[in-house]
Amino acid sequence: MVFHKLLRRAEDVRAADGVAATLATAVRKALRGSRVDGALRGSWLGHPLHPLMVTLPIGAYLSAAVLDLAPGNDDTARKLVGIGLAATPAAVVLGLADYAELDQRQRRVGVFHAMSNTVAAALFTGSYLARRRGAHGRGKVLGMLGLTALSAGGALGGHLSYAQGAGVFRWQSPTVEKVRAREETPAGAMT
């Protein structure tokens, strides 16, 4: 319950409004009227793409951390961190495309979500570079710190999606929503 209250507090941080509005405006200007706008936001799939894309870097980073627990996996763990870093820009672009359509309270949470994930990406970059130089212990520590920042970003992203409903029913037609509402209404209830 305390953690939920902490996530809700991000919705009320008005200090984020200037950065949030500037970012949303810039993304809107870049995408509005373009052929890629709807495609980046998942119009063809029926829901946002960002939540799908983040599974690749998260999976790569988490797999590297699991391999770090056993000796002899240093090279494979480094490669997995590299895969996570290579997939991160696509997740960022898809998240930015969604960001432009958020309301003010959602954008506030989105700013903190992006900040946490930026810190995570920086830590994983440091982890990769340390591992590449042979400083595997340092790389492992930076990777664990990266997972911690990524977890905070993920909690904020989950709050944005599930508690605030960002992107929910964006691409469904009114007809589909009415049908779904009828199907979910208990028998005998007034509609």
Protein backbone atom coordinates (compact mmCIF):
# COMPACT_ATOMS: atom_id res chain seq x y z
CA MET A 1 0.00 0.00 0.00
CA VAL A 2 2.86 2.41 0.80
CA PHE A 3 4.45 1.71 -2.59
CA HIS A 4 1.15 2.45 -4.36
CA LYS A 5 0.93 5.79 -2.54
CA LEU A 6 4.47 6.60 -3.65
CA LEU A 7 3.58 5.85 -7.28
CA ARG A 8 0.46 8.01 -7.00
CA ARG A 9 2.56 10.90 -5.73
CA ALA A 10 4.31 11.08 -9.09
CA GLU A 11 0.94 12.09 -10.58
CA ASP A 12 0.92 15.25 -8.45
CA VAL A 13 4.45 16.56 -9.08
CA ARG A 14 3.67 19.80 -10.89
CA ALA A 15 7.38 20.60 -11.21
CA ALA A 16 7.46 18.03 -14.04
CA ASP A 17 4.80 19.89 -16.06
CA GLY A 18 7.16 22.17 -18.01
CA VAL A 19 9.42 19.36 -19.18
CA ALA A 20 6.44 17.08 -19.75
CA ALA A 21 4.57 19.60 -21.91
CA THR A 22 7.67 20.51 -23.94
CA LEU A 23 8.42 16.87 -24.62
CA ALA A 24 4.82 16.03 -25.57
CA THR A 25 4.64 19.04 -27.91
CA ALA A 26 7.93 18.15 -29.61
CA VAL A 27 6.87 14.54 -30.15
CA ARG A 28 3.43 15.60 -31.40
CA LYS A 29 5.01 18.00 -33.91
CA ALA A 30 7.40 15.32 -35.13
CA LEU A 31 4.74 12.64 -35.58
CA ARG A 32 1.43 14.36 -36.40
CA GLY A 33 0.31 13.70 -39.92
CA SER A 34 3.17 11.30 -40.59
CA ARG A 35 2.66 7.79 -41.87
CA VAL A 36 4.51 6.32 -38.91
CA ASP A 37 2.45 7.98 -36.15
CA GLY A 38 -0.22 5.30 -35.79
CA ALA A 39 2.20 2.52 -36.65
CA LEU A 40 4.56 3.48 -33.80
CA ARG A 41 1.61 3.70 -31.41
CA GLY A 42 0.27 0.26 -32.38
CA SER A 43 -2.80 1.15 -34.47
CA TRP A 44 -2.25 -1.95 -36.61
CA LEU A 45 -2.11 -4.20 -33.53
CA GLY A 46 -4.91 -2.65 -31.51
CA HIS A 47 -2.77 -1.61 -28.53
CA PRO A 48 0.51 0.21 -27.79
CA LEU A 49 3.78 -1.41 -28.91
CA HIS A 50 5.99 0.00 -26.15
CA PRO A 51 4.95 -2.61 -23.54
CA LEU A 52 5.84 -5.37 -25.99
CA MET A 53 9.19 -3.91 -26.98
CA VAL A 54 10.42 -3.36 -23.43
CA THR A 55 10.40 -7.11 -22.85
CA LEU A 56 13.50 -7.51 -25.03
CA PRO A 57 15.89 -5.25 -23.10
CA ILE A 58 14.38 -6.29 -19.75
CA GLY A 59 14.77 -9.97 -20.65
CA ALA A 60 18.33 -9.47 -21.83
CA TYR A 61 19.36 -7.53 -18.72
CA LEU A 62 17.67 -9.97 -16.37
CA SER A 63 19.20 -12.96 -18.16
CA ALA A 64 22.64 -11.38 -17.82
CA ALA A 65 22.05 -10.97 -14.08
CA VAL A 66 21.08 -14.64 -13.76
CA LEU A 67 24.21 -15.69 -15.65
CA ASP A 68 26.27 -13.46 -13.36
CA LEU A 69 25.33 -15.74 -10.45
CA ALA A 70 27.39 -18.64 -11.81
CA PRO A 71 31.08 -18.55 -12.78
CA GLY A 72 32.17 -18.85 -16.39
CA ASN A 73 29.39 -16.82 -18.01
CA ASP A 74 31.10 -13.45 -18.23
CA ASP A 75 31.22 -13.25 -22.03
CA THR A 76 27.61 -14.38 -22.52
CA ALA A 77 26.39 -11.97 -19.84
CA ARG A 78 28.25 -9.10 -21.55
CA LYS A 79 26.66 -10.01 -24.88
CA LEU A 80 23.20 -10.04 -23.29
CA VAL A 81 23.76 -6.59 -21.81
CA GLY A 82 24.79 -5.48 -25.32
CA ILE A 83 21.58 -6.93 -26.78
CA GLY A 84 19.57 -5.06 -24.15
CA LEU A 85 21.35 -1.82 -25.01
CA ALA A 86 20.77 -2.38 -28.73
CA ALA A 87 17.03 -2.89 -28.13
CA THR A 88 16.61 0.09 -25.81
CA PRO A 89 16.39 2.84 -28.49
CA ALA A 90 13.40 1.12 -30.14
CA ALA A 91 11.64 0.90 -26.76
CA VAL A 92 12.36 4.61 -26.19
CA VAL A 93 10.99 5.64 -29.60
CA LEU A 94 7.80 3.64 -29.07
CA GLY A 95 7.39 5.08 -25.58
CA LEU A 96 7.82 8.61 -26.88
CA ALA A 97 5.18 8.00 -29.56
CA ASP A 98 2.73 6.97 -26.82
CA TYR A 99 3.80 9.84 -24.57
CA ALA A 100 2.46 12.49 -26.92
CA GLU A 101 -1.10 11.23 -26.35
CA LEU A 102 -1.05 11.19 -22.54
CA ASP A 103 -2.96 13.57 -20.30
CA GLN A 104 -1.15 15.85 -17.84
CA ARG A 105 -1.14 13.49 -14.84
CA GLN A 106 0.00 10.60 -17.02
CA ARG A 107 2.77 12.73 -18.53
CA ARG A 108 4.05 13.51 -15.03
CA VAL A 109 4.39 9.80 -14.29
CA GLY A 110 5.85 9.32 -17.77
CA VAL A 111 8.62 11.81 -17.02
CA PHE A 112 9.67 9.83 -13.93
CA HIS A 113 9.33 6.56 -15.86
CA ALA A 114 11.67 7.94 -18.54
CA MET A 115 14.12 9.33 -15.98
CA SER A 116 14.38 5.98 -14.15
CA ASN A 117 14.90 4.13 -17.40
CA THR A 118 17.50 6.65 -18.57
CA VAL A 119 19.45 6.04 -15.37
CA ALA A 120 19.09 2.29 -15.98
CA ALA A 121 20.38 2.62 -19.56
CA ALA A 122 23.37 4.65 -18.34
CA LEU A 123 24.18 2.02 -15.71
CA PHE A 124 23.87 -0.81 -18.24
CA THR A 125 26.12 1.11 -20.63
CA GLY A 126 28.68 1.37 -17.83
CA SER A 127 28.19 -2.33 -17.11
CA TYR A 128 28.80 -3.27 -20.74
CA LEU A 129 31.92 -1.10 -21.00
CA ALA A 130 33.33 -2.45 -17.74
CA ARG A 131 32.71 -6.03 -18.83
CA ARG A 132 34.32 -5.33 -22.20
CA ARG A 133 37.47 -4.07 -20.44
CA GLY A 134 37.53 -7.24 -18.32
CA ALA A 135 36.28 -5.55 -15.13
CA HIS A 136 33.52 -8.14 -14.68
CA GLY A 137 32.97 -7.48 -10.98
CA ARG A 138 32.35 -3.81 -11.65
CA GLY A 139 30.14 -4.72 -14.62
CA LYS A 140 28.05 -7.01 -12.41
CA VAL A 141 27.58 -4.32 -9.76
CA LEU A 142 26.59 -1.74 -12.37
CA GLY A 143 24.21 -4.29 -13.89
CA MET A 144 22.51 -4.88 -10.54
CA LEU A 145 22.18 -1.14 -10.00
CA GLY A 146 20.77 -0.92 -13.54
CA LEU A 147 18.18 -3.57 -12.68
CA THR A 148 17.20 -1.58 -9.60
CA ALA A 149 16.64 1.59 -11.65
CA LEU A 150 14.87 -0.45 -14.34
CA SER A 151 12.55 -1.92 -11.71
CA ALA A 152 11.61 1.55 -10.50
CA GLY A 153 10.97 2.59 -14.10
CA GLY A 154 8.92 -0.55 -14.65
CA ALA A 155 6.81 0.13 -11.57
CA LEU A 156 6.12 3.63 -12.86
CA GLY A 157 5.31 2.25 -16.33
CA GLY A 158 2.96 -0.29 -14.78
CA HIS A 159 1.26 2.46 -12.81
CA LEU A 160 0.93 4.51 -15.98
CA SER A 161 -0.67 1.61 -17.86
CA TYR A 162 -2.72 -0.18 -15.24
CA ALA A 163 -3.59 2.43 -12.62
CA GLN A 164 -3.89 5.39 -14.99
CA GLY A 165 -5.08 3.51 -18.09
CA ALA A 166 -2.60 5.06 -20.53
CA GLY A 167 -3.22 3.70 -24.02
CA VAL A 168 -6.16 1.55 -22.93
CA PHE A 169 -8.85 1.13 -25.62
CA ARG A 170 -7.08 3.65 -27.86
CA TRP A 171 -7.67 1.70 -31.05
CA GLN A 172 -10.99 -0.02 -30.33
CA SER A 173 -14.08 1.22 -32.08
CA PRO A 174 -17.10 2.29 -30.00
CA THR A 175 -19.00 -0.71 -31.34
CA VAL A 176 -16.43 -3.15 -29.90
CA GLU A 177 -16.52 -1.40 -26.52
CA LYS A 178 -20.32 -1.53 -26.38
CA VAL A 179 -20.32 -5.22 -27.25
CA ARG A 180 -17.67 -5.91 -24.61
CA ALA A 181 -19.64 -3.97 -21.98
CA ARG A 182 -22.76 -6.00 -22.77
CA GLU A 183 -20.82 -9.26 -22.54
CA GLU A 184 -19.39 -8.30 -19.15
CA THR A 185 -22.70 -7.16 -17.67
CA PRO A 186 -24.07 -9.83 -15.32
CA ALA A 187 -27.34 -11.44 -16.37
CA GLY A 188 -30.35 -9.55 -15.05
CA ALA A 189 -28.41 -6.33 -14.45
CA MET A 190 -29.79 -3.07 -15.83
CA THR A 191 -27.82 -1.65 -18.77
